[in-house]
Amino acid sequence: MTVKALSVASEVFPLVKTGGLADVAGALPAALKPHGVETVTLIPGYPAVMRELSRGEVVRTYTDVIGAPMRAIRGNARGIDVIALDAPALYARDGGPYADPAGRDWPDNWRRYAALGIAAADLARTQGFDIVHAHDWQGAMAPVYLRFSDGAKPKALVTIHNMAFPGRFEASIFPALKLPPAAYAIDGVEFYGGVGFLKGGLWAADAVTTVSPTYAEEILKPEFGMGFEGLIAARRKSVFGIVNGIDTAIWNPAADPALASIFDVETLELRAENRSAVETAFGLTGDGPIFCVVSRLTLQKGMDVLADVADALVETGGRLALLGSGDPALEAAFRTAALRHPGRIGVKIGYDEKLSHRMQGGADAILIPSRFEPCGLTQLCGLRYGCVPIAARTGGLADTIIDANAAALSAGVATGILFDGVATESLARAIRRAVEIFADAPAWRALQVQGMTADVSWSASAKAYAGLYARLIKG
C-alpha cells in the first residue's frame, strides 16, 4: 500500500533555506519513497519557488484566504514534487521567507502562515492525502484547521524542529483566523494570552515528533520546554523522538564538487588539500589543529562562550575558522578576536554553502557549543567528512556523537568530544582534550574513521517515520 503524505513546510532545500528545517524538508521525501510513501511538499510561493516551478497545474483556486486570493499549483521544482501557494499579496516580496531585507519580521507573518495552514487542510481533504506532516510553527496550523473541518480527514503529525520559536501572536488576530470561538482556549490555540501557532498544532495533531530522542525528553523540563512542557507531558504517549539524518548524496566527500579534493575513508590523506584551502580562505598561518564553526551567531548556539575562549583556543595551539552571522555584538566580538590573533583566527560574516562544505572537508574539528540543540545537522556533516565534532552534551548532539573518553577510545568506537555545561571552562577543557588527541595522529585518525563510517543517513529515521505514518493511519 502506498501512503500519500502532504509535507507542510515554510522552506525546503534547495529552493529556499534559512536553516536545518529546509534540509529536512528537502531530504525526507526521497528517503521515505523506498518505504512506500509518496510525498508532496506544500510550500509558500516565494519568488524563488515560483521561478523554479515548471509546467505547474492549478489544483485549487481560492478567492479569499484571510484576505488574499490564492492558487495552489502543483509541479516539479528542482526535482521536488511541490504544491506552491501562488499568492502574491502574501509571498511575492523581497527579503527572506520571514523577514524583510533589513531583517525585520514581516508584520503579517501570522496571516501568511495561517494561510498555509488553511490551504494544507483543504488540500489534504480534497487531493487524496492519507497524512499531513507539518513542520514547526509555520506549518502547525494545518492540524488545527483539520481539527475544525467537517467530514473525513487525514491524520496529522507535527514535527518540532526548535521549540524556541513558538509562532505566538497577539490575541487580536484571532477573529481573522476563521476559526470557531471554541478554538481560542487552552484546548486550542490560546497560548499565554495570545495565539500560539505551534501550541495549536501540538494540541491538534494526532502525533508529535521531535528531531532527536534526547530532545523529546528535554522538553519535558522548564529549561527546555519554553512554556510547552505541560502540554508535552499531557501528550507524552503521542510524542516520539526521531533523529534527523542528512542527504548523503549531497554531503558526500567522495563526490562533492565544492571540495578542493575529494576523498573517502580510505584516502583521508587527500583531505590535506582541503585543509590548505581552508587556511587560504581564512588567512590562517602556522600549524596546529583547525577548529571550524558554521553556525548562526546566537546565544542558543553558545557563541558568546566561544568568543570568551577564543584566546584560550589560540594559546593551546589551535586555530579558528568561523563562518556565520547573527547577533551584531557577537559578530563584532569575533571580528575583534581575529584582529587580536591574525593568522590564527579567521572570520567570515555571512553564509556560503560551498564554503561550508569545504570547511567540513578541510578543518580538523567543528565546534558546536549549543545551550540546546533539538538535533543539529552540522555534527552529522562533520562526521561524514572526517571533521571531528566537539559539542555540548544536549539534544541530538548527545544522540549522534560518541564521546572520546578513555573507554571509548580504547574500544575504537569514539567519534567526537562531548562536554557538559556550556561555560567557559568546560568548552576550554574540551578544546584542550581535542588538541591532546590531535597530537596523537593514530588516535585522531581513528576518530575520523569511526565518524565517517557511522550511519548519518536518513535510512533508519525514514523507516521510523514511515512506521509512525502507518500506525496513525490505522488508528
Protein backbone atom coordinates (compact mmCIF):
# COMPACT_ATOMS: atom_id res chain seq x y z
CA MET A 1 0.00 0.00 0.00
CA THR A 2 1.28 3.44 -0.97
CA VAL A 3 0.86 6.20 1.58
CA LYS A 4 0.29 9.69 0.22
CA ALA A 5 1.79 12.33 2.52
CA LEU A 6 1.47 16.10 2.36
CA SER A 7 4.53 17.75 3.90
CA VAL A 8 3.79 21.32 5.02
CA ALA A 9 6.95 23.41 5.30
CA SER A 10 7.89 27.06 5.10
CA GLU A 11 11.24 26.27 3.47
CA VAL A 12 12.77 23.37 1.57
CA PHE A 13 16.28 22.87 0.22
CA PRO A 14 17.36 23.61 -2.49
CA LEU A 15 14.53 26.07 -3.17
CA VAL A 16 14.54 28.18 0.00
CA LYS A 17 16.76 27.74 3.04
CA THR A 18 17.41 29.61 6.27
CA GLY A 19 18.31 26.61 8.45
CA GLY A 20 18.09 22.89 9.10
CA LEU A 21 14.33 22.76 8.60
CA ALA A 22 14.89 23.22 4.87
CA ASP A 23 17.40 20.38 4.76
CA VAL A 24 14.98 18.02 6.50
CA ALA A 25 12.01 19.02 4.36
CA GLY A 26 14.15 18.59 1.26
CA ALA A 27 15.70 15.22 2.10
CA LEU A 28 12.98 13.30 3.94
CA PRO A 29 10.58 12.80 0.96
CA ALA A 30 13.19 10.92 -1.08
CA ALA A 31 14.17 8.85 1.95
CA LEU A 32 10.55 7.88 2.56
CA LYS A 33 9.95 6.69 -1.00
CA PRO A 34 11.56 3.22 -0.57
CA HIS A 35 9.17 2.70 2.34
CA GLY A 36 6.08 3.16 0.21
CA VAL A 37 5.47 6.84 1.00
CA GLU A 38 4.89 9.35 -1.79
CA THR A 39 5.34 12.89 -0.52
CA VAL A 40 4.22 16.21 -1.95
CA THR A 41 5.60 19.31 -0.25
CA LEU A 42 3.29 22.28 0.24
CA ILE A 43 5.29 25.50 0.33
CA PRO A 44 4.52 29.21 0.06
CA GLY A 45 5.02 30.61 -3.41
CA TYR A 46 8.01 32.79 -2.64
CA PRO A 47 9.69 34.29 -5.74
CA ALA A 48 12.49 31.71 -5.59
CA VAL A 49 9.92 28.90 -5.60
CA MET A 50 7.79 30.28 -8.41
CA ARG A 51 10.87 30.80 -10.61
CA GLU A 52 11.71 27.10 -10.34
CA LEU A 53 8.21 25.69 -10.79
CA SER A 54 7.88 24.09 -14.20
CA ARG A 55 4.72 23.01 -16.02
CA GLY A 56 2.60 23.60 -12.96
CA GLU A 57 -1.04 22.54 -12.78
CA VAL A 58 -3.55 24.61 -10.85
CA VAL A 59 -5.22 22.13 -8.50
CA ARG A 60 -7.23 24.59 -6.36
CA THR A 61 -8.24 28.23 -6.58
CA TYR A 62 -9.20 30.31 -3.56
CA THR A 63 -10.83 33.72 -3.90
CA ASP A 64 -10.18 34.77 -0.30
CA VAL A 65 -7.80 33.13 2.16
CA ILE A 66 -7.54 35.52 5.10
CA GLY A 67 -7.92 38.48 2.75
CA ALA A 68 -5.89 37.24 -0.19
CA PRO A 69 -6.66 35.34 -3.41
CA MET A 70 -4.53 32.25 -3.91
CA ARG A 71 -3.89 29.41 -6.34
CA ALA A 72 -2.42 26.04 -5.42
CA ILE A 73 -0.09 25.00 -8.26
CA ARG A 74 1.35 21.51 -8.37
CA GLY A 75 4.54 20.81 -10.27
CA ASN A 76 8.20 19.93 -10.10
CA ALA A 77 10.73 22.38 -8.72
CA ARG A 78 14.41 21.34 -8.74
CA GLY A 79 13.38 17.70 -8.62
CA ILE A 80 10.91 18.13 -5.75
CA ASP A 81 7.19 17.37 -6.11
CA VAL A 82 5.60 20.52 -4.72
CA ILE A 83 2.35 22.36 -4.39
CA ALA A 84 3.20 26.06 -4.31
CA LEU A 85 0.75 28.62 -2.98
CA ASP A 86 0.69 31.37 -5.58
CA ALA A 87 -0.49 34.34 -3.50
CA PRO A 88 1.50 37.45 -4.49
CA ALA A 89 -0.06 39.56 -1.74
CA LEU A 90 1.37 37.19 0.85
CA TYR A 91 4.59 35.81 -0.56
CA ALA A 92 5.83 37.79 -3.58
CA ARG A 93 8.19 40.17 -1.82
CA ASP A 94 11.90 40.84 -1.47
CA GLY A 95 13.82 39.65 1.56
CA GLY A 96 13.78 36.29 3.28
CA PRO A 97 10.86 33.96 3.98
CA TYR A 98 10.16 35.53 7.38
CA ALA A 99 11.83 38.94 7.34
CA ASP A 100 12.29 41.99 5.14
CA PRO A 101 15.65 42.98 3.61
CA ALA A 102 16.50 44.84 6.83
CA GLY A 103 15.98 41.70 8.91
CA ARG A 104 12.67 42.77 10.49
CA ASP A 105 9.93 40.14 10.76
CA TRP A 106 7.12 40.68 8.30
CA PRO A 107 4.27 42.12 10.40
CA ASP A 108 1.75 39.88 8.64
CA ASN A 109 3.61 36.61 9.23
CA TRP A 110 0.60 35.37 11.18
CA ARG A 111 -1.56 35.86 8.06
CA ARG A 112 0.98 34.32 5.71
CA TYR A 113 1.36 31.08 7.68
CA ALA A 114 -2.27 30.81 8.75
CA ALA A 115 -2.99 30.83 5.00
CA LEU A 116 -0.51 27.98 4.63
CA GLY A 117 -2.43 26.02 7.28
CA ILE A 118 -5.81 26.71 5.71
CA ALA A 119 -4.61 25.57 2.29
CA ALA A 120 -2.93 22.50 3.78
CA ALA A 121 -6.13 21.37 5.49
CA ASP A 122 -8.18 21.89 2.35
CA LEU A 123 -5.71 20.18 0.02
CA ALA A 124 -5.28 17.27 2.42
CA ARG A 125 -9.01 16.60 2.36
CA THR A 126 -9.63 17.20 -1.35
CA GLN A 127 -6.50 15.81 -3.04
CA GLY A 128 -6.45 12.31 -1.58
CA PHE A 129 -3.69 12.57 1.04
CA ASP A 130 -3.51 10.00 3.83
CA ILE A 131 -1.44 12.05 6.25
CA VAL A 132 -0.33 15.63 6.82
CA HIS A 133 3.19 16.16 8.16
CA ALA A 134 3.54 19.76 9.35
CA HIS A 135 6.87 21.29 10.32
CA ASP A 136 7.41 23.85 13.09
CA TRP A 137 5.13 26.78 13.90
CA GLN A 138 4.84 27.90 10.29
CA GLY A 139 3.11 24.64 9.29
CA ALA A 140 1.49 23.85 12.64
CA MET A 141 -1.86 25.46 11.93
CA ALA A 142 -2.62 22.74 9.37
CA PRO A 143 -3.72 20.22 12.07
CA VAL A 144 -5.75 22.97 13.76
CA TYR A 145 -7.74 23.71 10.62
CA LEU A 146 -8.13 19.98 10.01
CA ARG A 147 -9.45 19.51 13.56
CA PHE A 148 -12.15 22.12 13.00
CA SER A 149 -13.11 20.97 9.49
CA ASP A 150 -16.09 18.79 8.64
CA GLY A 151 -16.17 15.30 7.17
CA ALA A 152 -13.45 12.70 6.75
CA LYS A 153 -9.92 13.95 7.20
CA PRO A 154 -6.41 12.51 7.10
CA LYS A 155 -4.24 12.07 10.18
CA ALA A 156 -1.87 14.85 11.16
CA LEU A 157 1.65 14.93 12.56
CA VAL A 158 3.68 17.92 13.76
CA THR A 159 7.47 17.88 13.96
CA ILE A 160 9.17 20.29 16.36
CA HIS A 161 12.48 21.45 14.93
CA ASN A 162 13.02 24.13 17.57
CA MET A 163 10.66 24.84 20.45
CA ALA A 164 12.25 28.27 20.92
CA PHE A 165 10.18 29.59 18.00
CA PRO A 166 6.53 29.22 19.06
CA GLY A 167 4.83 31.44 16.49
CA ARG A 168 2.99 33.45 19.14
CA PHE A 169 0.91 36.47 18.11
CA GLU A 170 -1.42 38.89 19.85
CA ALA A 171 -4.94 37.70 20.65
CA SER A 172 -6.34 40.45 18.42
CA ILE A 173 -5.57 38.38 15.31
CA PHE A 174 -7.86 35.52 16.34
CA PRO A 175 -11.08 36.79 14.68
CA ALA A 176 -9.28 36.93 11.32
CA LEU A 177 -8.17 33.29 11.51
CA LYS A 178 -11.62 31.99 10.55
CA LEU A 179 -11.73 29.51 13.41
CA PRO A 180 -14.75 28.93 15.67
CA PRO A 181 -14.72 30.80 19.01
CA ALA A 182 -14.12 27.49 20.81
CA ALA A 183 -10.66 27.31 19.25
CA TYR A 184 -9.43 30.17 21.43
CA ALA A 185 -8.99 28.06 24.56
CA ILE A 186 -6.41 26.05 26.47
CA ASP A 187 -7.54 23.12 24.33
CA GLY A 188 -6.90 25.10 21.19
CA VAL A 189 -4.67 27.95 20.05
CA GLU A 190 -4.65 30.13 23.18
CA PHE A 191 -1.08 30.49 24.42
CA TYR A 192 -0.24 32.73 27.37
CA GLY A 193 -2.87 35.28 26.45
CA GLY A 194 -2.13 35.26 22.76
CA VAL A 195 -2.45 32.95 19.76
CA GLY A 196 0.15 30.21 19.53
CA PHE A 197 0.53 28.55 16.16
CA LEU A 198 2.87 25.82 17.40
CA LYS A 199 0.77 25.39 20.56
CA GLY A 200 -2.34 24.83 18.42
CA GLY A 201 -0.57 22.28 16.26
CA LEU A 202 0.80 20.35 19.24
CA TRP A 203 -2.70 20.19 20.69
CA ALA A 204 -4.50 19.28 17.45
CA ALA A 205 -2.08 16.80 15.86
CA ASP A 206 -2.54 13.06 16.18
CA ALA A 207 1.16 12.71 17.00
CA VAL A 208 4.16 14.93 17.69
CA THR A 209 7.77 14.23 16.83
CA THR A 210 10.97 15.93 17.84
CA VAL A 211 14.16 15.69 15.84
CA SER A 212 16.03 13.59 18.40
CA PRO A 213 15.12 11.24 21.27
CA THR A 214 17.04 13.26 23.85
CA TYR A 215 15.24 16.48 22.88
CA ALA A 216 11.91 14.67 23.33
CA GLU A 217 12.90 14.11 26.96
CA GLU A 218 14.48 17.54 27.47
CA ILE A 219 11.34 19.47 26.50
CA LEU A 220 9.52 17.98 29.48
CA LYS A 221 11.71 20.27 31.62
CA PRO A 222 11.06 24.03 32.03
CA GLU A 223 14.59 24.96 30.94
CA PHE A 224 13.98 23.38 27.53
CA GLY A 225 10.18 23.31 27.21
CA MET A 226 9.75 27.04 26.51
CA GLY A 227 6.35 27.05 28.21
CA PHE A 228 5.15 23.92 26.40
CA GLU A 229 6.35 21.38 28.97
CA GLY A 230 2.88 20.90 30.49
CA LEU A 231 1.31 20.20 27.10
CA ILE A 232 4.14 17.87 26.12
CA ALA A 233 3.74 15.98 29.41
CA ALA A 234 -0.01 15.64 28.81
CA ARG A 235 0.66 14.27 25.32
CA ARG A 236 3.69 12.22 26.24
CA LYS A 237 2.33 8.94 24.84
CA SER A 238 1.95 10.63 21.46
CA VAL A 239 5.42 12.28 21.41
CA PHE A 240 8.23 10.48 19.57
CA GLY A 241 11.88 11.38 19.15
CA ILE A 242 13.25 10.53 15.69
CA VAL A 243 16.75 11.78 14.98
CA ASN A 244 17.40 13.67 11.76
CA GLY A 245 19.70 12.42 9.04
CA ILE A 246 21.45 14.22 6.22
CA ASP A 247 21.27 13.73 2.47
CA THR A 248 24.36 11.60 1.93
CA ALA A 249 24.25 12.23 -1.82
CA ILE A 250 24.68 15.98 -1.25
CA TRP A 251 27.03 15.52 1.69
CA ASN A 252 29.44 13.05 0.13
CA PRO A 253 33.18 13.79 0.42
CA ALA A 254 33.92 11.28 -2.35
CA ALA A 255 31.92 13.27 -4.91
CA ASP A 256 31.46 16.81 -3.55
CA PRO A 257 32.16 19.45 -6.23
CA ALA A 258 32.65 22.10 -3.53
CA LEU A 259 35.81 20.42 -2.27
CA ALA A 260 39.31 21.21 -3.47
CA SER A 261 39.99 17.47 -3.34
CA ILE A 262 37.52 14.63 -2.96
CA PHE A 263 38.33 11.81 -0.56
CA ASP A 264 36.87 8.90 1.35
CA VAL A 265 37.70 6.91 4.45
CA GLU A 266 40.41 5.02 2.55
CA THR A 267 42.05 8.20 1.21
CA LEU A 268 41.96 10.52 4.20
CA GLU A 269 45.35 11.92 3.30
CA LEU A 270 43.64 13.75 0.40
CA ARG A 271 41.91 15.98 2.98
CA ALA A 272 45.19 17.89 3.13
CA GLU A 273 44.33 19.87 0.00
CA ASN A 274 41.02 20.94 1.53
CA ARG A 275 42.83 21.88 4.72
CA SER A 276 45.10 24.14 2.71
CA ALA A 277 42.04 25.67 1.01
CA VAL A 278 40.53 26.48 4.43
CA GLU A 279 43.80 28.09 5.53
CA THR A 280 43.82 30.21 2.38
CA ALA A 281 40.15 31.20 2.65
CA PHE A 282 40.52 32.36 6.26
CA GLY A 283 44.07 33.65 6.15
CA LEU A 284 45.35 31.07 8.63
CA THR A 285 49.09 30.52 9.00
CA GLY A 286 51.37 28.35 11.09
CA ASP A 287 50.39 24.94 12.32
CA GLY A 288 48.08 23.33 14.89
CA PRO A 289 44.57 21.89 14.54
CA ILE A 290 41.97 23.94 12.70
CA PHE A 291 38.71 24.29 14.61
CA CYS A 292 35.82 25.49 12.47
CA VAL A 293 32.41 26.97 13.19
CA VAL A 294 29.49 27.02 10.75
CA SER A 295 26.64 28.50 12.73
CA ARG A 296 24.20 31.24 13.49
CA LEU A 297 25.94 33.55 15.93
CA THR A 298 23.42 33.42 18.77
CA LEU A 299 23.25 32.68 22.47
CA GLN A 300 21.41 29.41 21.78
CA LYS A 301 24.43 28.24 19.80
CA GLY A 302 26.76 29.15 22.69
CA MET A 303 28.67 31.59 20.54
CA ASP A 304 29.14 34.02 23.45
CA VAL A 305 31.05 31.31 25.33
CA LEU A 306 33.14 30.51 22.28
CA ALA A 307 34.03 34.19 21.92
CA ASP A 308 35.18 34.14 25.52
CA VAL A 309 37.51 31.17 24.95
CA ALA A 310 38.92 32.34 21.60
CA ASP A 311 42.16 33.48 23.25
CA ALA A 312 42.49 30.20 25.14
CA LEU A 313 41.94 28.26 21.89
CA VAL A 314 44.90 30.05 20.33
CA GLU A 315 47.03 29.63 23.47
CA THR A 316 46.55 25.84 23.30
CA GLY A 317 47.96 25.85 19.77
CA GLY A 318 44.66 25.78 17.88
CA ARG A 319 43.40 27.90 15.01
CA LEU A 320 39.82 29.00 14.33
CA ALA A 321 37.88 29.45 11.06
CA LEU A 322 34.40 30.86 11.62
CA LEU A 323 31.56 31.28 9.12
CA GLY A 324 28.26 32.68 10.33
CA SER A 325 26.10 35.68 11.12
CA GLY A 326 23.62 36.73 13.75
CA ASP A 327 23.86 38.88 16.86
CA PRO A 328 25.78 42.07 15.90
CA ALA A 329 27.62 42.05 19.25
CA LEU A 330 28.83 38.52 18.65
CA GLU A 331 29.83 39.32 15.09
CA ALA A 332 31.88 42.21 16.47
CA ALA A 333 33.43 40.01 19.18
CA PHE A 334 34.70 37.50 16.65
CA ARG A 335 35.98 40.20 14.30
CA THR A 336 37.90 41.68 17.24
CA ALA A 337 39.31 38.26 18.15
CA ALA A 338 40.56 37.89 14.58
CA LEU A 339 42.31 41.26 14.86
CA ARG A 340 43.96 40.14 18.09
CA HIS A 341 45.18 36.90 16.52
CA PRO A 342 45.97 37.46 12.83
CA GLY A 343 46.79 34.20 11.10
CA ARG A 344 45.28 32.19 13.97
CA ILE A 345 41.63 33.27 13.80
CA GLY A 346 39.80 33.92 10.55
CA VAL A 347 36.20 35.15 10.40
CA LYS A 348 33.71 35.45 7.56
CA ILE A 349 30.36 37.02 8.44
CA GLY A 350 27.53 35.63 6.31
CA TYR A 351 26.76 32.24 4.84
CA ASP A 352 28.30 30.40 1.91
CA GLU A 353 27.00 26.88 1.19
CA LYS A 354 30.03 25.83 -0.86
CA LEU A 355 32.47 27.18 1.71
CA SER A 356 30.64 25.32 4.47
CA HIS A 357 31.23 22.06 2.58
CA ARG A 358 34.90 22.91 2.12
CA MET A 359 35.27 23.73 5.82
CA GLN A 360 33.80 20.35 6.79
CA GLY A 361 36.14 18.70 4.31
CA GLY A 362 39.28 20.52 5.46
CA ALA A 363 39.05 21.62 9.09
CA ASP A 364 40.16 19.16 11.74
CA ALA A 365 37.24 19.70 14.12
CA ILE A 366 33.92 21.53 14.27
CA LEU A 367 32.83 23.35 17.43
CA ILE A 368 29.14 23.13 18.43
CA PRO A 369 28.76 24.55 21.97
CA SER A 370 24.95 24.84 21.83
CA ARG A 371 22.97 25.51 25.01
CA PHE A 372 20.25 23.37 23.46
CA GLU A 373 20.14 21.63 20.10
CA PRO A 374 16.98 19.77 19.05
CA CYS A 375 19.06 17.74 16.59
CA GLY A 376 21.77 19.64 14.81
CA LEU A 377 22.98 18.78 11.33
CA THR A 378 26.49 20.23 11.27
CA GLN A 379 27.81 17.48 13.53
CA LEU A 380 26.39 14.87 11.12
CA CYS A 381 28.14 16.58 8.22
CA GLY A 382 31.31 16.74 10.29
CA LEU A 383 31.17 13.01 10.99
CA ARG A 384 30.64 12.29 7.31
CA TYR A 385 33.62 14.45 6.29
CA GLY A 386 36.14 13.46 8.95
CA CYS A 387 35.75 16.81 10.73
CA VAL A 388 35.60 15.70 14.36
CA PRO A 389 32.66 17.28 16.27
CA ILE A 390 33.28 18.91 19.65
CA ALA A 391 29.88 19.56 21.13
CA ALA A 392 27.77 20.16 24.20
CA ARG A 393 26.04 17.06 25.53
CA THR A 394 22.47 18.07 24.70
CA GLY A 395 19.64 17.10 22.36
CA GLY A 396 20.64 15.48 19.10
CA LEU A 397 24.30 16.17 19.73
CA ALA A 398 24.21 13.69 22.62
CA ASP A 399 22.36 11.18 20.43
CA THR A 400 24.75 11.25 17.48
CA ILE A 401 28.26 11.66 18.94
CA ILE A 402 30.17 9.06 20.99
CA ASP A 403 32.50 10.84 23.40
CA ALA A 404 36.21 10.11 23.19
CA ASN A 405 36.59 9.07 26.79
CA ALA A 406 39.28 6.55 27.69
CA ALA A 407 36.98 3.53 27.36
CA ALA A 408 35.54 4.62 24.01
CA LEU A 409 38.98 5.41 22.64
CA SER A 410 40.28 2.04 23.80
CA ALA A 411 37.32 0.23 22.24
CA GLY A 412 37.69 2.17 18.99
CA VAL A 413 34.11 3.48 18.98
CA ALA A 414 34.59 7.19 19.78
CA THR A 415 33.52 9.72 17.13
CA GLY A 416 33.91 13.10 18.83
CA ILE A 417 34.18 15.04 22.07
CA LEU A 418 31.21 15.90 24.29
CA PHE A 419 31.23 18.25 27.24
CA ASP A 420 28.71 19.09 29.95
CA GLY A 421 27.58 22.60 30.76
CA VAL A 422 28.03 25.41 28.25
CA ALA A 423 30.52 27.50 30.20
CA THR A 424 33.94 28.97 29.52
CA GLU A 425 35.95 26.36 31.42
CA SER A 426 34.01 23.32 30.12
CA LEU A 427 34.43 24.42 26.50
CA ALA A 428 38.09 25.31 27.05
CA ARG A 429 38.65 21.88 28.61
CA ALA A 430 37.03 20.17 25.61
CA ILE A 431 39.29 22.13 23.26
CA ARG A 432 42.35 21.09 25.29
CA ARG A 433 41.23 17.45 25.07
CA ALA A 434 40.94 17.80 21.31
CA VAL A 435 44.41 19.31 21.00
CA GLU A 436 45.87 16.48 23.07
CA ILE A 437 44.20 13.77 20.97
CA PHE A 438 45.13 15.59 17.75
CA ALA A 439 48.79 15.31 18.78
CA ASP A 440 48.37 11.51 18.68
CA ALA A 441 47.92 11.07 14.92
CA PRO A 442 46.68 7.43 15.02
CA ALA A 443 44.11 8.27 17.73
CA TRP A 444 42.82 11.26 15.77
CA ARG A 445 42.60 9.25 12.56
CA ALA A 446 40.62 6.60 14.44
CA LEU A 447 38.11 9.30 15.47
CA GLN A 448 37.79 10.40 11.86
CA VAL A 449 37.36 6.87 10.56
CA GLN A 450 34.69 5.99 13.14
CA GLY A 451 32.79 9.16 12.29
CA MET A 452 33.00 8.63 8.55
CA THR A 453 31.70 5.06 8.83
CA ALA A 454 28.79 5.99 11.13
CA ASP A 455 25.32 5.92 9.54
CA VAL A 456 24.23 9.55 9.37
CA SER A 457 21.77 8.99 6.51
CA TRP A 458 18.00 9.16 6.63
CA SER A 459 17.68 5.38 6.24
CA ALA A 460 16.73 4.36 9.79
CA SER A 461 14.84 7.57 10.54
CA ALA A 462 12.77 7.41 7.35
CA LYS A 463 11.79 3.86 8.27
CA ALA A 464 10.70 5.13 11.69
CA TYR A 465 8.62 7.92 10.14
CA ALA A 466 7.01 5.52 7.67
CA GLY A 467 6.14 3.19 10.53
CA LEU A 468 4.61 6.06 12.50
CA TYR A 469 2.58 7.16 9.48
CA ALA A 470 1.24 3.62 9.11
CA ARG A 471 0.27 3.38 12.78
CA LEU A 472 -1.54 6.71 12.67
CA ILE A 473 -3.44 5.82 9.52
CA LYS A 474 -4.53 2.51 11.03
CA GLY A 475 -5.64 4.32 14.17
